Protein backbone atom coordinates (compact mmCIF):
# COMPACT_ATOMS: atom_id res chain seq x y z
CA MET A 1 -136.22 -82.64 60.02
CA ASN A 2 -135.61 -84.28 63.98
CA ASP A 3 -135.92 -88.02 64.92
CA ARG A 4 -139.56 -87.28 65.56
CA GLY A 5 -140.43 -86.55 61.78
CA THR A 6 -140.72 -82.75 62.09
CA ALA A 7 -138.88 -80.10 60.44
CA SER A 8 -137.06 -78.23 62.85
CA GLN A 9 -136.34 -74.73 62.63
CA ASP A 10 -133.87 -73.12 61.66
CA ALA A 11 -131.35 -71.62 64.44
CA TRP A 12 -131.09 -68.61 62.92
CA ASP A 13 -134.69 -67.75 62.15
CA ASP A 14 -136.47 -67.49 65.50
CA GLY A 15 -139.54 -67.29 64.06
CA THR A 16 -140.64 -63.34 65.13
CA GLU A 17 -139.68 -59.80 63.47
CA GLY A 18 -138.11 -58.60 66.66
CA ASN A 19 -136.61 -59.29 69.87
CA ALA A 20 -138.64 -61.10 72.97
CA GLY A 21 -140.24 -58.10 73.96
CA GLY A 22 -142.29 -58.29 70.60
CA GLU A 23 -141.12 -55.12 69.26
CA PRO A 24 -139.40 -54.86 65.57
CA ALA A 25 -135.57 -55.72 65.06
CA PHE A 26 -135.24 -52.47 63.10
CA LYS A 27 -137.01 -49.28 63.51
CA PRO A 28 -136.59 -46.26 61.38
CA LEU A 29 -135.28 -42.64 63.26
CA THR A 30 -138.04 -40.53 62.69
CA ARG A 31 -135.93 -37.04 61.12
CA GLU A 32 -135.68 -35.45 65.16
CA GLU A 33 -134.54 -38.97 66.10
CA ALA A 34 -132.00 -38.76 63.32
CA GLN A 35 -130.85 -35.16 64.26
CA ASP A 36 -130.86 -35.79 68.02
CA LEU A 37 -128.51 -39.27 67.08
CA ARG A 38 -126.36 -37.65 65.27
CA ALA A 39 -126.21 -34.24 67.81
CA ARG A 40 -125.00 -36.80 70.45
CA LEU A 41 -122.50 -38.83 68.49
CA PRO A 42 -120.22 -36.27 66.06
CA VAL A 43 -118.26 -37.35 63.62
CA MET A 44 -115.01 -37.32 64.15
CA SER A 45 -112.97 -35.80 61.07
CA VAL A 46 -110.06 -38.23 59.74
CA TRP A 47 -107.26 -35.79 59.78
CA SER A 48 -107.80 -34.97 63.58
CA LEU A 49 -107.26 -38.91 64.03
CA LEU A 50 -103.96 -37.88 61.55
CA THR A 51 -103.24 -35.34 64.00
CA TRP A 52 -103.34 -37.94 67.55
CA GLN A 53 -101.17 -40.10 65.24
CA ALA A 54 -98.48 -37.49 65.04
CA ALA A 55 -98.25 -36.53 67.79
CA ALA A 56 -98.10 -39.64 69.31
CA GLY A 57 -94.87 -40.65 66.85
CA ALA A 58 -93.45 -36.75 67.81
CA THR A 59 -94.21 -38.05 71.59
CA MET A 60 -92.36 -41.29 70.81
CA VAL A 61 -89.44 -39.80 69.08
CA ALA A 62 -88.53 -37.47 71.79
CA LEU A 63 -88.63 -39.56 74.33
CA TRP A 64 -86.53 -41.96 72.58
CA GLY A 65 -84.00 -39.24 71.58
CA LEU A 66 -83.74 -37.50 75.55
CA LEU A 67 -83.84 -41.36 77.08
CA SER A 68 -80.92 -42.73 74.83
CA LEU A 69 -79.25 -39.64 74.13
CA GLN A 70 -78.25 -42.07 70.79
CA ALA A 71 -78.98 -40.16 67.07
CA ASP A 72 -79.58 -43.30 65.40
CA LYS A 73 -82.26 -44.45 67.80
CA THR A 74 -84.01 -41.22 67.38
CA TRP A 75 -83.79 -41.50 63.69
CA SER A 76 -85.10 -45.30 63.48
CA ALA A 77 -88.33 -43.88 66.16
CA LEU A 78 -88.56 -41.19 63.55
CA PHE A 79 -88.68 -43.32 60.99
CA GLY A 80 -91.50 -45.99 62.44
CA ALA A 81 -93.57 -42.88 62.88
CA VAL A 82 -93.03 -41.66 59.21
CA SER A 83 -93.85 -45.08 58.40
CA VAL A 84 -97.23 -44.72 59.60
CA VAL A 85 -98.35 -41.33 59.72
CA VAL A 86 -97.29 -40.65 55.66
CA PRO A 87 -99.21 -43.78 54.08
CA ASN A 88 -102.21 -42.56 56.51
CA ALA A 89 -102.39 -39.05 54.77
CA LEU A 90 -101.82 -39.76 51.64
CA MET A 91 -104.76 -42.25 51.95
CA ALA A 92 -106.53 -39.03 54.42
CA TRP A 93 -105.88 -37.00 51.29
CA GLY A 94 -106.87 -39.81 48.56
CA VAL A 95 -110.46 -40.52 50.46
CA THR A 96 -111.92 -37.63 51.38
CA ARG A 97 -110.54 -35.09 48.14
CA ARG A 98 -113.67 -36.02 45.95
CA LYS A 99 -117.62 -36.00 46.95
CA THR A 100 -119.59 -38.91 44.90
CA VAL A 101 -123.01 -39.35 44.73
CA ASP A 102 -122.97 -42.93 43.92
CA ALA A 103 -122.54 -45.79 46.58
CA GLY A 104 -119.91 -48.09 45.23
CA THR A 105 -117.23 -45.03 44.21
CA PRO A 106 -116.18 -44.58 47.68
CA MET A 107 -116.24 -48.16 49.15
CA LEU A 108 -113.77 -48.62 45.89
CA SER A 109 -111.90 -45.60 46.62
CA PHE A 110 -111.75 -46.89 50.03
CA VAL A 111 -109.87 -50.12 48.61
CA VAL A 112 -107.49 -48.56 46.66
CA TRP A 113 -106.55 -46.11 48.67
CA GLU A 114 -105.99 -48.66 51.36
CA LEU A 115 -103.80 -50.76 49.25
CA VAL A 116 -101.62 -47.62 48.18
CA LYS A 117 -101.28 -46.98 51.79
CA ILE A 118 -99.87 -50.57 52.50
CA ILE A 119 -97.30 -50.92 49.22
CA LEU A 120 -96.20 -47.20 50.51
CA ALA A 121 -95.71 -48.02 54.31
CA VAL A 122 -93.87 -51.84 53.16
CA ALA A 123 -91.62 -49.35 50.78
CA ILE A 124 -90.69 -47.05 53.79
CA LEU A 125 -89.80 -49.87 55.96
CA VAL A 126 -88.07 -51.82 53.31
CA ALA A 127 -85.76 -48.68 51.86
CA VAL A 128 -85.06 -47.96 55.96
CA ALA A 129 -84.20 -51.49 56.56
CA ALA A 130 -82.17 -51.76 53.84
CA GLY A 131 -80.40 -48.14 53.53
CA PHE A 132 -80.11 -47.21 57.53
CA PRO A 133 -77.46 -49.62 58.26
CA SER A 134 -77.38 -48.39 62.63
CA LEU A 135 -81.14 -49.57 62.22
CA SER A 136 -82.65 -49.66 66.06
CA TRP A 137 -85.47 -52.17 65.50
CA ALA A 138 -86.58 -51.62 69.30
CA ALA A 139 -87.13 -47.66 68.56
CA LEU A 140 -88.68 -48.27 64.94
CA LEU A 141 -90.71 -51.05 66.13
CA SER A 142 -92.26 -49.02 69.53
CA THR A 143 -92.75 -46.09 67.76
CA LEU A 144 -94.81 -47.15 65.21
CA VAL A 145 -97.05 -49.51 67.15
CA VAL A 146 -97.18 -46.76 69.50
CA THR A 147 -98.20 -44.06 66.79
CA LEU A 148 -100.88 -47.16 64.88
CA LYS A 149 -102.28 -46.87 68.66
CA ALA A 150 -103.12 -43.64 68.61
CA ASN A 151 -106.69 -43.72 67.02
CA TRP A 152 -107.21 -45.55 70.04
CA LEU A 153 -106.72 -42.59 72.37
CA ALA A 154 -108.52 -40.22 69.89
CA LEU A 155 -111.62 -42.20 70.20
CA LEU A 156 -110.95 -42.87 74.02
CA ARG A 157 -110.66 -38.50 74.35
CA ARG A 158 -113.95 -38.28 72.25
CA GLY A 159 -116.59 -40.44 74.72
CA ARG A 160 -116.97 -42.69 71.73
CA ILE A 161 -115.64 -46.07 73.62
CA ARG A 162 -118.07 -46.49 76.97
CA LYS A 163 -117.69 -49.80 79.32
């Protein structure tokens, strides 16, 4: 209640079932509209994203190898790319290997494989840090970041991100 004794309207409820123009907030698509939307926004495969990541990682490894001319920095860059691509490939395989009909299994599968991916990535990085004494952190981390961000390049190329 406000100070005049009237009930105040909930800030999240504007009292209408739609926007200011009076249109419904949610309009179900017809079959034709859904097919048109699907044709305009094609599905991107997780394997194509993984290919972009591998290509970005390979490019960074090649750059570190050519620019530094030091094997340690090249190996460090390779470890950075591997610590992203291998866990992501394992997760992509795990999530896409089975088709299910119920709604809960894909979500549980995603969570489990995401956890496996994180554990494997951390294990790779810990093993490299402990077992490779001449590790170049600059090469490893820069390659790791560029490989992770390669998804944005794939999405930009497909035209999914618009201004």
